[in-house]
Amino acid sequence: MPRRRNSDSGQYEEVYSTENIVELLRNTRLGTSEVADELGGHRTTAHERLHELKQGGVVTCQRVGNTQIWSLNDEEAH
């Protein structure tokens, strides 16, 4: 997983951590590219991580045309 240095603590953090994705999707639904843009990573890596979270029941996905729209599983949203 890609990592970046936290400017406050100086420690490295996962770009696509479960916590980052849950926080991002808490009140909205986003496409794969939007998730990547918001978290500062690559679309392919975002897609792989989102798919892992989907298999784990954290997020759900709906295809709209050529775009996959991601949202939190109902249990994660609360």
N, C-alpha and C. Protein backbone atom coordinates (compact mmCIF):
# COMPACT_ATOMS: atom_id res chain seq x y z
N MET A 1 0.83 -1.18 0.00
CA MET A 1 0.00 0.00 0.00
C MET A 1 0.88 1.25 0.00
N PRO A 2 0.48 2.25 -0.76
CA PRO A 2 1.24 3.50 -0.75
C PRO A 2 1.19 4.16 0.62
N ARG A 3 2.26 4.83 0.94
CA ARG A 3 2.36 5.52 2.23
C ARG A 3 2.83 6.95 1.97
N ARG A 4 2.45 7.84 2.85
CA ARG A 4 2.95 9.23 2.76
C ARG A 4 3.30 9.69 4.16
N ARG A 5 4.20 10.65 4.22
CA ARG A 5 4.64 11.17 5.51
C ARG A 5 3.65 12.22 6.01
N ASN A 6 3.23 12.06 7.25
CA ASN A 6 2.35 13.02 7.91
C ASN A 6 3.17 14.26 8.23
N SER A 7 2.72 15.41 7.76
CA SER A 7 3.49 16.64 7.95
C SER A 7 3.57 17.07 9.42
N ASP A 8 2.60 16.67 10.23
CA ASP A 8 2.63 17.03 11.65
C ASP A 8 3.51 16.10 12.47
N SER A 9 3.31 14.79 12.31
CA SER A 9 4.04 13.83 13.14
C SER A 9 5.35 13.37 12.52
N GLY A 10 5.48 13.50 11.19
CA GLY A 10 6.67 13.01 10.51
C GLY A 10 6.64 11.52 10.26
N GLN A 11 5.60 10.83 10.73
CA GLN A 11 5.50 9.39 10.54
C GLN A 11 4.77 9.08 9.23
N TYR A 12 5.06 7.90 8.70
CA TYR A 12 4.39 7.47 7.47
C TYR A 12 3.03 6.87 7.79
N GLU A 13 2.05 7.15 6.91
CA GLU A 13 0.69 6.64 7.06
C GLU A 13 0.27 6.00 5.75
N GLU A 14 -0.61 5.01 5.83
CA GLU A 14 -1.18 4.42 4.63
C GLU A 14 -2.11 5.43 3.96
N VAL A 15 -1.98 5.58 2.64
CA VAL A 15 -2.86 6.46 1.89
C VAL A 15 -4.28 5.88 1.88
N TYR A 16 -4.40 4.57 1.66
CA TYR A 16 -5.70 3.93 1.53
C TYR A 16 -6.05 3.09 2.76
N SER A 17 -5.83 3.64 3.93
CA SER A 17 -6.20 2.90 5.14
C SER A 17 -7.73 2.81 5.21
N THR A 18 -8.20 1.81 5.92
CA THR A 18 -9.64 1.66 6.11
C THR A 18 -10.23 2.92 6.72
N GLU A 19 -9.53 3.48 7.71
CA GLU A 19 -10.02 4.69 8.38
C GLU A 19 -10.15 5.85 7.40
N ASN A 20 -9.16 6.05 6.53
CA ASN A 20 -9.21 7.14 5.56
C ASN A 20 -10.39 6.98 4.61
N ILE A 21 -10.60 5.77 4.14
CA ILE A 21 -11.69 5.52 3.18
C ILE A 21 -13.05 5.65 3.86
N VAL A 22 -13.19 5.11 5.06
CA VAL A 22 -14.46 5.23 5.79
C VAL A 22 -14.79 6.69 6.03
N GLU A 23 -13.81 7.46 6.46
CA GLU A 23 -14.04 8.89 6.72
C GLU A 23 -14.45 9.61 5.43
N LEU A 24 -13.79 9.29 4.33
CA LEU A 24 -14.08 9.93 3.05
C LEU A 24 -15.49 9.60 2.57
N LEU A 25 -15.92 8.37 2.74
CA LEU A 25 -17.22 7.93 2.23
C LEU A 25 -18.35 8.06 3.25
N ARG A 26 -18.06 8.60 4.42
CA ARG A 26 -19.06 8.65 5.49
C ARG A 26 -20.36 9.35 5.06
N ASN A 27 -20.27 10.44 4.34
CA ASN A 27 -21.48 11.21 3.98
C ASN A 27 -21.68 11.37 2.49
N THR A 28 -20.97 10.56 1.69
CA THR A 28 -21.08 10.74 0.25
C THR A 28 -20.77 9.45 -0.47
N ARG A 29 -21.04 9.43 -1.75
CA ARG A 29 -20.68 8.32 -2.63
C ARG A 29 -19.72 8.88 -3.66
N LEU A 30 -18.66 8.14 -3.97
CA LEU A 30 -17.65 8.62 -4.90
C LEU A 30 -17.24 7.54 -5.87
N GLY A 31 -16.80 7.97 -7.05
CA GLY A 31 -16.22 7.05 -8.02
C GLY A 31 -14.78 6.72 -7.63
N THR A 32 -14.23 5.70 -8.26
CA THR A 32 -12.87 5.26 -7.95
C THR A 32 -11.86 6.38 -8.13
N SER A 33 -11.94 7.10 -9.25
CA SER A 33 -10.99 8.19 -9.51
C SER A 33 -11.12 9.31 -8.48
N GLU A 34 -12.34 9.58 -8.05
CA GLU A 34 -12.55 10.61 -7.04
C GLU A 34 -11.93 10.21 -5.71
N VAL A 35 -12.05 8.93 -5.34
CA VAL A 35 -11.42 8.45 -4.11
C VAL A 35 -9.91 8.63 -4.21
N ALA A 36 -9.34 8.22 -5.35
CA ALA A 36 -7.89 8.36 -5.55
C ALA A 36 -7.47 9.82 -5.47
N ASP A 37 -8.21 10.70 -6.12
CA ASP A 37 -7.87 12.13 -6.11
C ASP A 37 -7.94 12.71 -4.70
N GLU A 38 -9.00 12.39 -3.97
CA GLU A 38 -9.18 12.92 -2.62
C GLU A 38 -8.09 12.45 -1.66
N LEU A 39 -7.63 11.21 -1.84
CA LEU A 39 -6.62 10.66 -0.94
C LEU A 39 -5.20 10.82 -1.46
N GLY A 40 -5.06 11.36 -2.67
CA GLY A 40 -3.73 11.63 -3.21
C GLY A 40 -2.97 10.41 -3.68
N GLY A 41 -3.68 9.44 -4.25
CA GLY A 41 -3.04 8.23 -4.74
C GLY A 41 -3.41 7.95 -6.18
N HIS A 42 -3.11 6.74 -6.63
CA HIS A 42 -3.40 6.33 -8.00
C HIS A 42 -4.72 5.57 -8.07
N ARG A 43 -5.41 5.72 -9.20
CA ARG A 43 -6.72 5.10 -9.40
C ARG A 43 -6.66 3.58 -9.30
N THR A 44 -5.65 2.97 -9.91
CA THR A 44 -5.55 1.51 -9.89
C THR A 44 -5.41 0.98 -8.47
N THR A 45 -4.57 1.63 -7.68
CA THR A 45 -4.37 1.21 -6.30
C THR A 45 -5.64 1.45 -5.48
N ALA A 46 -6.31 2.56 -5.73
CA ALA A 46 -7.57 2.84 -5.04
C ALA A 46 -8.59 1.75 -5.35
N HIS A 47 -8.68 1.36 -6.62
CA HIS A 47 -9.63 0.32 -7.01
C HIS A 47 -9.33 -1.00 -6.31
N GLU A 48 -8.07 -1.37 -6.24
CA GLU A 48 -7.69 -2.62 -5.58
C GLU A 48 -8.08 -2.59 -4.10
N ARG A 49 -7.80 -1.47 -3.43
CA ARG A 49 -8.11 -1.37 -2.00
C ARG A 49 -9.62 -1.34 -1.76
N LEU A 50 -10.36 -0.61 -2.60
CA LEU A 50 -11.81 -0.56 -2.47
C LEU A 50 -12.42 -1.94 -2.68
N HIS A 51 -11.88 -2.70 -3.64
CA HIS A 51 -12.36 -4.06 -3.87
C HIS A 51 -12.13 -4.94 -2.65
N GLU A 52 -10.96 -4.80 -2.01
CA GLU A 52 -10.68 -5.54 -0.77
C GLU A 52 -11.70 -5.20 0.31
N LEU A 53 -11.99 -3.90 0.44
CA LEU A 53 -12.96 -3.46 1.45
C LEU A 53 -14.38 -3.93 1.11
N LYS A 54 -14.68 -4.02 -0.17
CA LYS A 54 -15.98 -4.55 -0.59
C LYS A 54 -16.10 -6.02 -0.18
N GLN A 55 -15.06 -6.79 -0.41
CA GLN A 55 -15.09 -8.21 -0.03
C GLN A 55 -15.18 -8.37 1.48
N GLY A 56 -14.65 -7.40 2.21
CA GLY A 56 -14.72 -7.44 3.67
C GLY A 56 -16.02 -6.87 4.23
N GLY A 57 -16.91 -6.40 3.35
CA GLY A 57 -18.20 -5.89 3.79
C GLY A 57 -18.19 -4.46 4.30
N VAL A 58 -17.08 -3.74 4.08
CA VAL A 58 -16.98 -2.36 4.57
C VAL A 58 -17.67 -1.39 3.62
N VAL A 59 -17.50 -1.59 2.31
CA VAL A 59 -18.08 -0.71 1.31
C VAL A 59 -18.92 -1.52 0.33
N THR A 60 -19.77 -0.81 -0.39
CA THR A 60 -20.55 -1.41 -1.47
C THR A 60 -20.24 -0.65 -2.74
N CYS A 61 -20.58 -1.26 -3.86
CA CYS A 61 -20.26 -0.66 -5.15
C CYS A 61 -21.46 -0.80 -6.08
N GLN A 62 -21.72 0.26 -6.82
CA GLN A 62 -22.78 0.25 -7.82
C GLN A 62 -22.17 0.74 -9.13
N ARG A 63 -22.40 0.02 -10.21
CA ARG A 63 -21.87 0.44 -11.50
C ARG A 63 -22.87 1.37 -12.16
N VAL A 64 -22.38 2.54 -12.58
CA VAL A 64 -23.18 3.51 -13.31
C VAL A 64 -22.42 3.80 -14.60
N GLY A 65 -22.88 3.21 -15.71
CA GLY A 65 -22.14 3.32 -16.96
C GLY A 65 -20.80 2.62 -16.81
N ASN A 66 -19.72 3.35 -17.08
CA ASN A 66 -18.37 2.80 -16.94
C ASN A 66 -17.75 3.11 -15.59
N THR A 67 -18.51 3.70 -14.71
CA THR A 67 -17.97 4.14 -13.42
C THR A 67 -18.49 3.26 -12.29
N GLN A 68 -17.60 2.95 -11.36
CA GLN A 68 -18.01 2.26 -10.14
C GLN A 68 -18.16 3.32 -9.06
N ILE A 69 -19.34 3.36 -8.45
CA ILE A 69 -19.64 4.32 -7.39
C ILE A 69 -19.58 3.57 -6.06
N TRP A 70 -18.75 4.08 -5.16
CA TRP A 70 -18.50 3.43 -3.87
C TRP A 70 -19.20 4.17 -2.75
N SER A 71 -19.74 3.40 -1.81
CA SER A 71 -20.35 3.98 -0.61
C SER A 71 -20.12 3.02 0.55
N LEU A 72 -20.33 3.52 1.75
CA LEU A 72 -20.17 2.67 2.92
C LEU A 72 -21.31 1.67 3.01
N ASN A 73 -21.01 0.49 3.49
CA ASN A 73 -22.02 -0.48 3.84
C ASN A 73 -22.88 0.18 4.92
N ASP A 74 -24.16 -0.11 4.94
CA ASP A 74 -25.07 0.53 5.91
C ASP A 74 -24.58 0.44 7.34
N GLU A 75 -23.98 -0.68 7.73
CA GLU A 75 -23.50 -0.83 9.10
C GLU A 75 -22.31 0.08 9.39
N GLU A 76 -21.46 0.32 8.40
CA GLU A 76 -20.28 1.17 8.59
C GLU A 76 -20.66 2.65 8.62
N ALA A 77 -21.77 3.00 7.98
CA ALA A 77 -22.16 4.40 7.87
C ALA A 77 -22.62 4.99 9.19
N HIS A 78 -22.93 4.16 10.17
CA HIS A 78 -23.46 4.67 11.44
C HIS A 78 -22.48 4.55 12.55
